PDB file of N, CA and C in Angstrom:
ATOM      1  N   LYS A   1       0.415 -29.006  -7.531  1.00  0.00           N
ATOM      2  CA  LYS A   1      -0.825 -28.311  -7.840  1.00  0.00           C
ATOM      3  C   LYS A   1      -0.737 -26.900  -7.244  1.00  0.00           C
ATOM      4  N   PRO A   2      -0.936 -25.866  -8.033  1.00  0.00           N
ATOM      5  CA  PRO A   2      -0.761 -24.500  -7.548  1.00  0.00           C
ATOM      6  C   PRO A   2      -1.756 -24.061  -6.478  1.00  0.00           C
ATOM      7  N   ASN A   3      -2.930 -24.636  -6.436  1.00  0.00           N
ATOM      8  CA  ASN A   3      -3.946 -24.236  -5.463  1.00  0.00           C
ATOM      9  C   ASN A   3      -4.512 -25.490  -4.802  1.00  0.00           C
ATOM     10  N   PRO A   4      -3.734 -26.146  -3.952  1.00  0.00           N
ATOM     11  CA  PRO A   4      -4.159 -27.436  -3.401  1.00  0.00           C
ATOM     12  C   PRO A   4      -5.404 -27.366  -2.526  1.00  0.00           C
ATOM     13  N   THR A   5      -5.716 -26.191  -1.966  1.00  0.00           N
ATOM     14  CA  THR A   5      -6.903 -26.073  -1.111  1.00  0.00           C
ATOM     15  C   THR A   5      -8.117 -25.557  -1.866  1.00  0.00           C
ATOM     16  N   ASN A   6      -7.952 -25.311  -3.179  1.00  0.00           N
ATOM     17  CA  ASN A   6      -9.038 -24.770  -4.005  1.00  0.00           C
ATOM     18  C   ASN A   6      -9.586 -23.446  -3.464  1.00  0.00           C
ATOM     19  N   THR A   7      -8.701 -22.624  -2.959  1.00  0.00           N
ATOM     20  CA  THR A   7      -9.069 -21.321  -2.431  1.00  0.00           C
ATOM     21  C   THR A   7      -9.631 -20.444  -3.544  1.00  0.00           C
ATOM     22  N   VAL A   8     -10.651 -19.663  -3.217  1.00  0.00           N
ATOM     23  CA  VAL A   8     -11.245 -18.729  -4.172  1.00  0.00           C
ATOM     24  C   VAL A   8     -11.292 -17.339  -3.536  1.00  0.00           C
ATOM     25  N   SER A   9     -11.442 -16.337  -4.361  1.00  0.00           N
ATOM     26  CA  SER A   9     -11.501 -14.969  -3.855  1.00  0.00           C
ATOM     27  C   SER A   9     -12.855 -14.690  -3.211  1.00  0.00           C
ATOM     28  N   VAL A  10     -12.874 -13.700  -2.336  1.00  0.00           N
ATOM     29  CA  VAL A  10     -14.121 -13.292  -1.692  1.00  0.00           C
ATOM     30  C   VAL A  10     -15.136 -12.872  -2.746  1.00  0.00           C
ATOM     31  N   SER A  11     -14.684 -12.143  -3.770  1.00  0.00           N
ATOM     32  CA  SER A  11     -15.612 -11.649  -4.790  1.00  0.00           C
ATOM     33  C   SER A  11     -16.256 -12.758  -5.607  1.00  0.00           C
ATOM     34  N   SER A  12     -15.650 -13.940  -5.626  1.00  0.00           N
ATOM     35  CA  SER A  12     -16.288 -15.046  -6.342  1.00  0.00           C
ATOM     36  C   SER A  12     -17.329 -15.756  -5.474  1.00  0.00           C
ATOM     37  N   VAL A  13     -17.309 -15.503  -4.190  1.00  0.00           N
ATOM     38  CA  VAL A  13     -18.269 -16.123  -3.267  1.00  0.00           C
ATOM     39  C   VAL A  13     -19.373 -15.138  -2.890  1.00  0.00           C
ATOM     40  N   VAL A  14     -18.989 -13.912  -2.586  1.00  0.00           N
ATOM     41  CA  VAL A  14     -19.945 -12.874  -2.205  1.00  0.00           C
ATOM     42  C   VAL A  14     -20.296 -12.095  -3.464  1.00  0.00           C
ATOM     43  N   THR A  15     -21.487 -12.309  -3.965  1.00  0.00           N
ATOM     44  CA  THR A  15     -21.903 -11.630  -5.192  1.00  0.00           C
ATOM     45  C   THR A  15     -23.031 -10.655  -4.887  1.00  0.00           C
ATOM     46  N   GLY A  16     -23.157  -9.647  -5.709  1.00  0.00           N
ATOM     47  CA  GLY A  16     -24.234  -8.681  -5.539  1.00  0.00           C
ATOM     48  C   GLY A  16     -23.977  -7.665  -4.442  1.00  0.00           C
ATOM     49  N   LYS A  17     -22.790  -7.673  -3.861  1.00  0.00           N
ATOM     50  CA  LYS A  17     -22.436  -6.713  -2.817  1.00  0.00           C
ATOM     51  C   LYS A  17     -21.068  -6.135  -3.153  1.00  0.00           C
ATOM     52  N   PRO A  18     -20.853  -4.869  -2.806  1.00  0.00           N
ATOM     53  CA  PRO A  18     -19.534  -4.292  -3.092  1.00  0.00           C
ATOM     54  C   PRO A  18     -18.454  -4.924  -2.224  1.00  0.00           C
ATOM     55  N   ILE A  19     -17.298  -5.104  -2.790  1.00  0.00           N
ATOM     56  CA  ILE A  19     -16.144  -5.646  -2.079  1.00  0.00           C
ATOM     57  C   ILE A  19     -15.088  -4.545  -2.029  1.00  0.00           C
ATOM     58  N   ILE A  20     -14.613  -4.249  -0.840  1.00  0.00           N
ATOM     59  CA  ILE A  20     -13.532  -3.282  -0.670  1.00  0.00           C
ATOM     60  C   ILE A  20     -12.276  -4.078  -0.357  1.00  0.00           C
ATOM     61  N   LYS A  21     -11.292  -3.969  -1.218  1.00  0.00           N
ATOM     62  CA  LYS A  21     -10.042  -4.705  -1.021  1.00  0.00           C
ATOM     63  C   LYS A  21      -9.061  -3.827  -0.248  1.00  0.00           C
ATOM     64  N   VAL A  22      -8.589  -4.359   0.870  1.00  0.00           N
ATOM     65  CA  VAL A  22      -7.615  -3.655   1.699  1.00  0.00           C
ATOM     66  C   VAL A  22      -6.411  -4.572   1.852  1.00  0.00           C
ATOM     67  N   PRO A  23      -5.456  -4.477   0.902  1.00  0.00           N
ATOM     68  CA  PRO A  23      -4.304  -5.371   0.948  1.00  0.00           C
ATOM     69  C   PRO A  23      -3.364  -5.039   2.101  1.00  0.00           C
ATOM     70  N   GLY A  24      -2.570  -6.019   2.441  1.00  0.00           N
ATOM     71  CA  GLY A  24      -1.573  -5.866   3.489  1.00  0.00           C
ATOM     72  C   GLY A  24      -1.610  -7.062   4.409  1.00  0.00           C
ATOM     73  N   CYS A  25      -0.514  -7.325   5.016  1.00  0.00           N
ATOM     74  CA  CYS A  25      -0.434  -8.456   5.937  1.00  0.00           C
ATOM     75  C   CYS A  25       0.352  -8.018   7.164  1.00  0.00           C
ATOM     76  N   PRO A  26      -0.319  -7.475   8.137  1.00  0.00           N
ATOM     77  CA  PRO A  26      -1.752  -7.174   8.196  1.00  0.00           C
ATOM     78  C   PRO A  26      -2.063  -5.852   7.487  1.00  0.00           C
ATOM     79  N   PRO A  27      -3.338  -5.611   7.198  1.00  0.00           N
ATOM     80  CA  PRO A  27      -3.704  -4.306   6.648  1.00  0.00           C
ATOM     81  C   PRO A  27      -3.353  -3.207   7.655  1.00  0.00           C
ATOM     82  N   ILE A  28      -3.060  -2.035   7.155  1.00  0.00           N
ATOM     83  CA  ILE A  28      -2.726  -0.906   8.021  1.00  0.00           C
ATOM     84  C   ILE A  28      -3.976  -0.534   8.829  1.00  0.00           C
ATOM     85  N   PRO A  29      -3.877  -0.513  10.163  1.00  0.00           N
ATOM     86  CA  PRO A  29      -5.061  -0.229  10.989  1.00  0.00           C
ATOM     87  C   PRO A  29      -5.748   1.090  10.636  1.00  0.00           C
ATOM     88  N   GLU A  30      -4.980   2.127  10.325  1.00  0.00           N
ATOM     89  CA  GLU A  30      -5.581   3.416   9.975  1.00  0.00           C
ATOM     90  C   GLU A  30      -6.398   3.330   8.688  1.00  0.00           C
ATOM     91  N   VAL A  31      -5.992   2.462   7.778  1.00  0.00           N
ATOM     92  CA  VAL A  31      -6.749   2.274   6.540  1.00  0.00           C
ATOM     93  C   VAL A  31      -8.077   1.597   6.858  1.00  0.00           C
ATOM     94  N   MET A  32      -8.029   0.544   7.653  1.00  0.00           N
ATOM     95  CA  MET A  32      -9.269  -0.150   8.038  1.00  0.00           C
ATOM     96  C   MET A  32     -10.209   0.818   8.756  1.00  0.00           C
ATOM     97  N   THR A  33      -9.665   1.591   9.692  1.00  0.00           N
ATOM     98  CA  THR A  33     -10.480   2.554  10.432  1.00  0.00           C
ATOM     99  C   THR A  33     -11.064   3.598   9.485  1.00  0.00           C
ATOM    100  N   GLY A  34     -10.260   4.082   8.549  1.00  0.00           N
ATOM    101  CA  GLY A  34     -10.740   5.075   7.595  1.00  0.00           C
ATOM    102  C   GLY A  34     -11.879   4.561   6.730  1.00  0.00           C
ATOM    103  N   VAL A  35     -11.774   3.319   6.279  1.00  0.00           N
ATOM    104  CA  VAL A  35     -12.824   2.720   5.449  1.00  0.00           C
ATOM    105  C   VAL A  35     -14.116   2.575   6.257  1.00  0.00           C
ATOM    106  N   ILE A  36     -13.991   2.071   7.468  1.00  0.00           N
ATOM    107  CA  ILE A  36     -15.173   1.883   8.327  1.00  0.00           C
ATOM    108  C   ILE A  36     -15.808   3.233   8.666  1.00  0.00           C
ATOM    109  N   MET A  37     -14.983   4.219   9.011  1.00  0.00           N
ATOM    110  CA  MET A  37     -15.516   5.537   9.365  1.00  0.00           C
ATOM    111  C   MET A  37     -16.169   6.219   8.163  1.00  0.00           C
ATOM    112  N   HIS A  38     -15.615   6.034   6.980  1.00  0.00           N
ATOM    113  CA  HIS A  38     -16.230   6.617   5.786  1.00  0.00           C
ATOM    114  C   HIS A  38     -17.642   6.064   5.618  1.00  0.00           C
ATOM    115  N   TYR A  39     -17.774   4.763   5.763  1.00  0.00           N
ATOM    116  CA  TYR A  39     -19.100   4.153   5.631  1.00  0.00           C
ATOM    117  C   TYR A  39     -20.031   4.624   6.750  1.00  0.00           C
ATOM    118  N   ALA A  40     -19.508   4.682   7.973  1.00  0.00           N
ATOM    119  CA  ALA A  40     -20.338   5.100   9.109  1.00  0.00           C
ATOM    120  C   ALA A  40     -20.814   6.549   8.958  1.00  0.00           C
ATOM    121  N   LEU A  41     -19.958   7.408   8.463  1.00  0.00           N
ATOM    122  CA  LEU A  41     -20.305   8.826   8.346  1.00  0.00           C
ATOM    123  C   LEU A  41     -21.146   9.155   7.122  1.00  0.00           C
ATOM    124  N   PHE A  42     -20.864   8.489   5.997  1.00  0.00           N
ATOM    125  CA  PHE A  42     -21.512   8.856   4.742  1.00  0.00           C
ATOM    126  C   PHE A  42     -22.521   7.830   4.232  1.00  0.00           C
ATOM    127  N   GLY A  43     -22.571   6.653   4.861  1.00  0.00           N
ATOM    128  CA  GLY A  43     -23.531   5.634   4.456  1.00  0.00           C
ATOM    129  C   GLY A  43     -23.245   4.994   3.112  1.00  0.00           C
ATOM    130  N   GLN A  44     -22.037   5.139   2.637  1.00  0.00           N
ATOM    131  CA  GLN A  44     -21.643   4.518   1.370  1.00  0.00           C
ATOM    132  C   GLN A  44     -20.168   4.166   1.431  1.00  0.00           C
ATOM    133  N   ILE A  45     -19.780   3.246   0.573  1.00  0.00           N
ATOM    134  CA  ILE A  45     -18.372   2.861   0.559  1.00  0.00           C
ATOM    135  C   ILE A  45     -17.547   3.992  -0.048  1.00  0.00           C
ATOM    136  N   PRO A  46     -16.283   4.085   0.318  1.00  0.00           N
ATOM    137  CA  PRO A  46     -15.447   5.146  -0.251  1.00  0.00           C
ATOM    138  C   PRO A  46     -15.165   4.893  -1.730  1.00  0.00           C
ATOM    139  N   PRO A  47     -14.762   5.927  -2.458  1.00  0.00           N
ATOM    140  CA  PRO A  47     -14.380   5.723  -3.864  1.00  0.00           C
ATOM    141  C   PRO A  47     -13.246   4.699  -3.962  1.00  0.00           C
ATOM    142  N   LEU A  48     -13.360   3.808  -4.948  1.00  0.00           N
ATOM    143  CA  LEU A  48     -12.378   2.738  -5.116  1.00  0.00           C
ATOM    144  C   LEU A  48     -11.595   2.918  -6.410  1.00  0.00           C
ATOM    145  N   ASP A  49     -10.373   2.382  -6.426  1.00  0.00           N
ATOM    146  CA  ASP A  49      -9.581   2.403  -7.657  1.00  0.00           C
ATOM    147  C   ASP A  49      -9.967   1.209  -8.525  1.00  0.00           C
ATOM    148  N   ALA A  50      -9.294   1.033  -9.638  1.00  0.00           N
ATOM    149  CA  ALA A  50      -9.625  -0.040 -10.581  1.00  0.00           C
ATOM    150  C   ALA A  50      -9.451  -1.431  -9.981  1.00  0.00           C
ATOM    151  N   GLN A  51      -8.657  -1.538  -8.916  1.00  0.00           N
ATOM    152  CA  GLN A  51      -8.443  -2.832  -8.269  1.00  0.00           C
ATOM    153  C   GLN A  51      -9.357  -3.044  -7.064  1.00  0.00           C
ATOM    154  N   GLY A  52     -10.273  -2.104  -6.825  1.00  0.00           N
ATOM    155  CA  GLY A  52     -11.219  -2.250  -5.722  1.00  0.00           C
ATOM    156  C   GLY A  52     -10.687  -1.784  -4.379  1.00  0.00           C
ATOM    157  N   ARG A  53      -9.598  -1.009  -4.384  1.00  0.00           N
ATOM    158  CA  ARG A  53      -9.005  -0.500  -3.148  1.00  0.00           C
ATOM    159  C   ARG A  53      -9.462   0.938  -2.918  1.00  0.00           C
ATOM    160  N   PRO A  54      -9.562   1.382  -1.658  1.00  0.00           N
ATOM    161  CA  PRO A  54      -9.963   2.768  -1.391  1.00  0.00           C
ATOM    162  C   PRO A  54      -8.944   3.753  -1.968  1.00  0.00           C
ATOM    163  N   LYS A  55      -9.410   4.637  -2.855  1.00  0.00           N
ATOM    164  CA  LYS A  55      -8.512   5.601  -3.502  1.00  0.00           C
ATOM    165  C   LYS A  55      -7.785   6.485  -2.499  1.00  0.00           C
ATOM    166  N   GLN A  56      -8.466   6.819  -1.415  1.00  0.00           N
ATOM    167  CA  GLN A  56      -7.867   7.698  -0.415  1.00  0.00           C
ATOM    168  C   GLN A  56      -6.535   7.147   0.087  1.00  0.00           C
ATOM    169  N   PHE A  57      -6.436   5.838   0.176  1.00  0.00           N
ATOM    170  CA  PHE A  57      -5.244   5.215   0.744  1.00  0.00           C
ATOM    171  C   PHE A  57      -4.342   4.551  -0.293  1.00  0.00           C
ATOM    172  N   TYR A  58      -4.868   4.231  -1.447  1.00  0.00           N
ATOM    173  CA  TYR A  58      -4.093   3.513  -2.462  1.00  0.00           C
ATOM    174  C   TYR A  58      -4.004   4.268  -3.782  1.00  0.00           C
ATOM    175  N   GLY A  59      -4.284   5.553  -3.766  1.00  0.00           N
ATOM    176  CA  GLY A  59      -4.289   6.337  -4.994  1.00  0.00           C
ATOM    177  C   GLY A  59      -2.949   6.930  -5.393  1.00  0.00           C
ATOM    178  N   ASN A  60      -1.980   6.894  -4.479  1.00  0.00           N
ATOM    179  CA  ASN A  60      -0.672   7.491  -4.768  1.00  0.00           C
ATOM    180  C   ASN A  60       0.444   6.487  -4.526  1.00  0.00           C
ATOM    181  N   ARG A  61       1.534   6.680  -5.259  1.00  0.00           N
ATOM    182  CA  ARG A  61       2.698   5.821  -5.051  1.00  0.00           C
ATOM    183  C   ARG A  61       3.400   6.215  -3.755  1.00  0.00           C
ATOM    184  N   ILE A  62       3.923   5.243  -3.049  1.00  0.00           N
ATOM    185  CA  ILE A  62       4.716   5.514  -1.857  1.00  0.00           C
ATOM    186  C   ILE A  62       5.845   6.473  -2.222  1.00  0.00           C
ATOM    187  N   HIS A  63       6.429   6.263  -3.367  1.00  0.00           N
ATOM    188  CA  HIS A  63       7.564   7.040  -3.866  1.00  0.00           C
ATOM    189  C   HIS A  63       7.271   8.539  -3.913  1.00  0.00           C
ATOM    190  N   ASP A  64       6.028   8.904  -4.212  1.00  0.00           N
ATOM    191  CA  ASP A  64       5.681  10.308  -4.402  1.00  0.00           C
ATOM    192  C   ASP A  64       5.753  11.135  -3.124  1.00  0.00           C
ATOM    193  N   THR A  65       5.601  10.501  -1.975  1.00  0.00           N
ATOM    194  CA  THR A  65       5.609  11.235  -0.707  1.00  0.00           C
ATOM    195  C   THR A  65       6.692  10.748   0.250  1.00  0.00           C
ATOM    196  N   CYS A  66       7.593   9.929  -0.231  1.00  0.00           N
ATOM    197  CA  CYS A  66       8.635   9.355   0.627  1.00  0.00           C
ATOM    198  C   CYS A  66       9.630  10.426   1.075  1.00  0.00           C
ATOM    199  N   TYR A  67       9.967  10.407   2.350  1.00  0.00           N
ATOM    200  CA  TYR A  67      10.943  11.372   2.852  1.00  0.00           C
ATOM    201  C   TYR A  67      12.351  11.080   2.328  1.00  0.00           C
ATOM    202  N   ARG A  68      12.566   9.906   1.740  1.00  0.00           N
ATOM    203  CA  ARG A  68      13.859   9.564   1.142  1.00  0.00           C
ATOM    204  C   ARG A  68      13.913   9.889  -0.356  1.00  0.00           C
ATOM    205  N   ARG A  69      12.862  10.460  -0.899  1.00  0.00           N
ATOM    206  CA  ARG A  69      12.753  10.714  -2.338  1.00  0.00           C
ATOM    207  C   ARG A  69      13.895  11.573  -2.873  1.00  0.00           C
ATOM    208  N   ALA A  70      14.308  12.578  -2.138  1.00  0.00           N
ATOM    209  CA  ALA A  70      15.389  13.447  -2.609  1.00  0.00           C
ATOM    210  C   ALA A  70      16.673  12.651  -2.841  1.00  0.00           C
ATOM    211  N   PHE A  71      16.906  11.632  -2.020  1.00  0.00           N
ATOM    212  CA  PHE A  71      18.093  10.796  -2.198  1.00  0.00           C
ATOM    213  C   PHE A  71      17.965   9.952  -3.469  1.00  0.00           C
ATOM    214  N   PHE A  72      16.761   9.445  -3.739  1.00  0.00           N
ATOM    215  CA  PHE A  72      16.518   8.701  -4.980  1.00  0.00           C
ATOM    216  C   PHE A  72      16.827   9.593  -6.180  1.00  0.00           C
ATOM    217  N   ASP A  73      16.260  10.790  -6.166  1.00  0.00           N
ATOM    218  CA  ASP A  73      16.452  11.721  -7.282  1.00  0.00           C
ATOM    219  C   ASP A  73      17.920  12.102  -7.470  1.00  0.00           C
ATOM    220  N   SER A  74      18.688  12.075  -6.380  1.00  0.00           N
ATOM    221  CA  SER A  74      20.120  12.411  -6.437  1.00  0.00           C
ATOM    222  C   SER A  74      20.999  11.196  -6.709  1.00  0.00           C
ATOM    223  N   GLY A  75      20.378  10.009  -6.795  1.00  0.00           N
ATOM    224  CA  GLY A  75      21.145   8.791  -7.045  1.00  0.00           C
ATOM    225  C   GLY A  75      21.914   8.289  -5.839  1.00  0.00           C
ATOM    226  N   LEU A  76      21.444   8.622  -4.648  1.00  0.00           N
ATOM    227  CA  LEU A  76      22.107   8.207  -3.409  1.00  0.00           C
ATOM    228  C   LEU A  76      21.328   7.055  -2.786  1.00  0.00           C
ATOM    229  N   PHE A  77      21.911   5.847  -2.836  1.00  0.00           N
ATOM    230  CA  PHE A  77      21.208   4.639  -2.424  1.00  0.00           C
ATOM    231  C   PHE A  77      21.960   3.886  -1.330  1.00  0.00           C
ATOM    232  N   VAL A  78      21.205   3.258  -0.461  1.00  0.00           N
ATOM    233  CA  VAL A  78      21.751   2.331   0.525  1.00  0.00           C
ATOM    234  C   VAL A  78      22.186   1.078  -0.229  1.00  0.00           C
ATOM    235  N   GLU A  79      23.351   0.548   0.078  1.00  0.00           N
ATOM    236  CA  GLU A  79      23.840  -0.696  -0.533  1.00  0.00           C
ATOM    237  C   GLU A  79      23.635  -1.889   0.404  1.00  0.00           C
ATOM    238  N   LYS A  80      23.699  -1.635   1.710  1.00  0.00           N
ATOM    239  CA  LYS A  80      23.465  -2.653   2.745  1.00  0.00           C
ATOM    240  C   LYS A  80      22.743  -1.961   3.894  1.00  0.00           C
ATOM    241  N   PHE A  81      21.930  -2.713   4.616  1.00  0.00           N
ATOM    242  CA  PHE A  81      21.148  -2.105   5.685  1.00  0.00           C
ATOM    243  C   PHE A  81      21.988  -1.553   6.834  1.00  0.00           C
ATOM    244  N   ASP A  82      23.234  -1.980   6.954  1.00  0.00           N
ATOM    245  CA  ASP A  82      24.045  -1.479   8.066  1.00  0.00           C
ATOM    246  C   ASP A  82      25.140  -0.513   7.615  1.00  0.00           C
ATOM    247  N   ASP A  83      25.055  -0.012   6.390  1.00  0.00           N
ATOM    248  CA  ASP A  83      26.092   0.915   5.934  1.00  0.00           C
ATOM    249  C   ASP A  83      25.784   2.347   6.390  1.00  0.00           C
ATOM    250  N   ASP A  84      26.744   3.223   6.193  1.00  0.00           N
ATOM    251  CA  ASP A  84      26.574   4.615   6.621  1.00  0.00           C
ATOM    252  C   ASP A  84      25.426   5.301   5.885  1.00  0.00           C
ATOM    253  N   ALA A  85      25.203   4.918   4.635  1.00  0.00           N
ATOM    254  CA  ALA A  85      24.107   5.512   3.859  1.00  0.00           C
ATOM    255  C   ALA A  85      22.754   5.211   4.503  1.00  0.00           C
ATOM    256  N   SER A  86      22.580   3.994   5.009  1.00  0.00           N
ATOM    257  CA  SER A  86      21.306   3.652   5.652  1.00  0.00           C
ATOM    258  C   SER A  86      21.120   4.457   6.929  1.00  0.00           C
ATOM    259  N   LYS A  87      22.208   4.680   7.636  1.00  0.00           N
ATOM    260  CA  LYS A  87      22.138   5.467   8.873  1.00  0.00           C
ATOM    261  C   LYS A  87      21.889   6.943   8.580  1.00  0.00           C
ATOM    262  N   SER A  88      22.196   7.352   7.362  1.00  0.00           N
ATOM    263  CA  SER A  88      21.982   8.744   6.955  1.00  0.00           C
ATOM    264  C   SER A  88      20.626   8.958   6.289  1.00  0.00           C
ATOM    265  N   GLY A  89      19.835   7.891   6.139  1.00  0.00           N
ATOM    266  CA  GLY A  89      18.493   8.020   5.585  1.00  0.00           C
ATOM    267  C   GLY A  89      18.400   8.009   4.076  1.00  0.00           C
ATOM    268  N   TRP A  90      19.430   7.486   3.390  1.00  0.00           N
ATOM    269  CA  TRP A  90      19.411   7.453   1.931  1.00  0.00           C
ATOM    270  C   TRP A  90      18.324   6.503   1.417  1.00  0.00           C
ATOM    271  N   CYS A  91      18.087   6.543   0.126  1.00  0.00           N
ATOM    272  CA  CYS A  91      17.040   5.753  -0.527  1.00  0.00           C
ATOM    273  C   CYS A  91      17.298   4.248  -0.411  1.00  0.00           C
ATOM    274  N   LEU A  92      16.233   3.485  -0.170  1.00  0.00           N
ATOM    275  CA  LEU A  92      16.314   2.034   0.024  1.00  0.00           C
ATOM    276  C   LEU A  92      16.017   1.222  -1.236  1.00  0.00           C
ATOM    277  N   TYR A  93      15.926   1.870  -2.388  1.00  0.00           N
ATOM    278  CA  TYR A  93      15.536   1.161  -3.611  1.00  0.00           C
ATOM    279  C   TYR A  93      16.445  -0.021  -3.930  1.00  0.00           C
ATOM    280  N   LYS A  94      17.739   0.136  -3.798  1.00  0.00           N
ATOM    281  CA  LYS A  94      18.678  -0.936  -4.154  1.00  0.00           C
ATOM    282  C   LYS A  94      18.678  -2.100  -3.165  1.00  0.00           C
ATOM    283  N   VAL A  95      18.047  -1.915  -2.012  1.00  0.00           N
ATOM    284  CA  VAL A  95      17.968  -3.020  -1.051  1.00  0.00           C
ATOM    285  C   VAL A  95      16.542  -3.568  -0.944  1.00  0.00           C
ATOM    286  N   GLY A  96      15.727  -3.280  -1.954  1.00  0.00           N
ATOM    287  CA  GLY A  96      14.426  -3.932  -2.028  1.00  0.00           C
ATOM    288  C   GLY A  96      13.192  -3.062  -1.982  1.00  0.00           C
ATOM    289  N   CYS A  97      13.316  -1.780  -1.701  1.00  0.00           N
ATOM    290  CA  CYS A  97      12.125  -0.930  -1.669  1.00  0.00           C
ATOM    291  C   CYS A  97      11.502  -0.877  -3.065  1.00  0.00           C
ATOM    292  N   ARG A  98      10.193  -0.984  -3.123  1.00  0.00           N
ATOM    293  CA  ARG A  98       9.482  -0.917  -4.397  1.00  0.00           C
ATOM    294  C   ARG A  98       8.509   0.259  -4.429  1.00  0.00           C
ATOM    295  N   GLY A  99       8.867   1.298  -3.680  1.00  0.00           N
ATOM    296  CA  GLY A  99       8.037   2.496  -3.627  1.00  0.00           C
ATOM    297  C   GLY A  99       7.672   3.087  -4.973  1.00  0.00           C
ATOM    298  N   PRO A 100       8.591   3.093  -5.968  1.00  0.00           N
ATOM    299  CA  PRO A 100       8.226   3.664  -7.264  1.00  0.00           C
ATOM    300  C   PRO A 100       7.116   2.901  -7.993  1.00  0.00           C
ATOM    301  N   GLN A 101       6.887   1.649  -7.632  1.00  0.00           N
ATOM    302  CA  GLN A 101       5.849   0.851  -8.293  1.00  0.00           C
ATOM    303  C   GLN A 101       4.652   0.558  -7.391  1.00  0.00           C
ATOM    304  N   THR A 102       4.721   0.945  -6.119  1.00  0.00           N
ATOM    305  CA  THR A 102       3.720   0.522  -5.142  1.00  0.00           C
ATOM    306  C   THR A 102       2.775   1.652  -4.771  1.00  0.00           C
ATOM    307  N   TYR A 103       1.493   1.395  -4.913  1.00  0.00           N
ATOM    308  CA  TYR A 103       0.462   2.351  -4.527  1.00  0.00           C
ATOM    309  C   TYR A 103      -0.064   1.950  -3.159  1.00  0.00           C
ATOM    310  N   ASN A 104       0.248   2.751  -2.156  1.00  0.00           N
ATOM    311  CA  ASN A 104      -0.163   2.479  -0.784  1.00  0.00           C
ATOM    312  C   ASN A 104       0.066   3.745   0.014  1.00  0.00           C
ATOM    313  N   SER A 105      -0.469   3.778   1.217  1.00  0.00           N
ATOM    314  CA  SER A 105      -0.323   4.972   2.042  1.00  0.00           C
ATOM    315  C   SER A 105       0.617   4.766   3.211  1.00  0.00           C
ATOM    316  N   CYS A 106       1.316   3.648   3.254  1.00  0.00           N
ATOM    317  CA  CYS A 106       2.137   3.361   4.432  1.00  0.00           C
ATOM    318  C   CYS A 106       3.213   4.405   4.669  1.00  0.00           C
ATOM    319  N   GLY A 107       3.647   5.111   3.653  1.00  0.00           N
ATOM    320  CA  GLY A 107       4.629   6.165   3.845  1.00  0.00           C
ATOM    321  C   GLY A 107       4.050   7.426   4.457  1.00  0.00           C
ATOM    322  N   ASN A 108       2.735   7.544   4.476  1.00  0.00           N
ATOM    323  CA  ASN A 108       2.076   8.747   4.987  1.00  0.00           C
ATOM    324  C   ASN A 108       1.484   8.576   6.373  1.00  0.00           C
ATOM    325  N   LEU A 109       1.376   7.359   6.831  1.00  0.00           N
ATOM    326  CA  LEU A 109       0.704   7.125   8.116  1.00  0.00           C
ATOM    327  C   LEU A 109       1.687   6.877   9.221  1.00  0.00           C
TER     328      LEU A 109
END
């Protein structure tokens, strides 16, 4: 059975109130602080993207601001985590990085 505990989403239980989704395990502390401070300062939730995440933190791809981006564009990739390329800071795409598809701010914080 795919859901043996019958778990449901927060949005299916809490209705009539805005839900701010902050993905991560654990969520990035600066993101949580930013969301709370936005509400404390402005009295409203921050602008959200289509998935209910704060746009300020989830509006851009990691890839767009990655310090390894130039290596990606040049086709220079790490093949193993202990190779010379990894020690030189080359792109991690071939060893599992999903920055080109991932919208998050972890590369900026």
